[in-house]
Amino acid sequence: MNLWMDLLFGNPIGLMSMIVIFGAIVIMVVLGIMFVKKSSEDR
């Protein structure tokens, strides 16, 4: 776990990659929620 913390916060590249990964997950969740709402409205 300590190695992961050093990788993530020790250098800006690791931090940027984590921001990109979390951003992609958030976008996928938001799109999924919108899709579910849209499909439930059609019924």
C-alpha atoms as a PDB file:
ATOM      1  CA  MET A   1       0.000   0.000   0.000  1.00  0.00           C
ATOM      2  CA  ASN A   2       2.868   2.366   0.793  1.00  0.00           C
ATOM      3  CA  LEU A   3       4.361   1.710  -2.637  1.00  0.00           C
ATOM      4  CA  TRP A   4       1.032   2.629  -4.273  1.00  0.00           C
ATOM      5  CA  MET A   5       0.832   5.888  -2.312  1.00  0.00           C
ATOM      6  CA  ASP A   6       4.401   6.723  -3.344  1.00  0.00           C
ATOM      7  CA  LEU A   7       3.585   5.939  -6.999  1.00  0.00           C
ATOM      8  CA  LEU A   8       0.373   7.957  -7.001  1.00  0.00           C
ATOM      9  CA  PHE A   9       1.401  11.057  -5.058  1.00  0.00           C
ATOM     10  CA  GLY A  10       5.180  10.929  -5.441  1.00  0.00           C
ATOM     11  CA  ASN A  11       5.156  12.062  -9.070  1.00  0.00           C
ATOM     12  CA  PRO A  12       2.736  14.194 -11.098  1.00  0.00           C
ATOM     13  CA  ILE A  13       2.372  11.539 -13.835  1.00  0.00           C
ATOM     14  CA  GLY A  14       0.848   9.005 -11.437  1.00  0.00           C
ATOM     15  CA  LEU A  15      -1.506  11.662 -10.067  1.00  0.00           C
ATOM     16  CA  MET A  16      -2.583  12.673 -13.585  1.00  0.00           C
ATOM     17  CA  SER A  17      -3.240   9.063 -14.564  1.00  0.00           C
ATOM     18  CA  MET A  18      -5.373   8.552 -11.439  1.00  0.00           C
ATOM     19  CA  ILE A  19      -7.357  11.737 -12.241  1.00  0.00           C
ATOM     20  CA  VAL A  20      -7.918  10.482 -15.799  1.00  0.00           C
ATOM     21  CA  ILE A  21      -9.038   7.035 -14.565  1.00  0.00           C
ATOM     22  CA  PHE A  22     -11.422   8.481 -11.962  1.00  0.00           C
ATOM     23  CA  GLY A  23     -12.752  10.967 -14.519  1.00  0.00           C
ATOM     24  CA  ALA A  24     -13.466   8.151 -16.988  1.00  0.00           C
ATOM     25  CA  ILE A  25     -15.283   6.143 -14.274  1.00  0.00           C
ATOM     26  CA  VAL A  26     -17.391   9.177 -13.299  1.00  0.00           C
ATOM     27  CA  ILE A  27     -18.308   9.862 -16.948  1.00  0.00           C
ATOM     28  CA  MET A  28     -19.307   6.210 -17.464  1.00  0.00           C
ATOM     29  CA  VAL A  29     -21.480   6.265 -14.322  1.00  0.00           C
ATOM     30  CA  VAL A  30     -23.207   9.504 -15.370  1.00  0.00           C
ATOM     31  CA  LEU A  31     -23.854   8.173 -18.894  1.00  0.00           C
ATOM     32  CA  GLY A  32     -25.196   4.915 -17.433  1.00  0.00           C
ATOM     33  CA  ILE A  33     -27.591   6.786 -15.116  1.00  0.00           C
ATOM     34  CA  MET A  34     -28.800   8.963 -18.001  1.00  0.00           C
ATOM     35  CA  PHE A  35     -29.327   5.866 -20.162  1.00  0.00           C
ATOM     36  CA  VAL A  36     -31.331   4.096 -17.422  1.00  0.00           C
ATOM     37  CA  LYS A  37     -33.495   7.180 -16.852  1.00  0.00           C
ATOM     38  CA  LYS A  38     -34.115   7.587 -20.583  1.00  0.00           C
ATOM     39  CA  SER A  39     -35.019   3.929 -21.050  1.00  0.00           C
ATOM     40  CA  SER A  40     -37.372   3.953 -18.038  1.00  0.00           C
ATOM     41  CA  GLU A  41     -39.161   7.046 -19.364  1.00  0.00           C
ATOM     42  CA  ASP A  42     -39.935   5.314 -22.679  1.00  0.00           C
ATOM     43  CA  ARG A  43     -41.998   2.578 -20.992  1.00  0.00           C
END
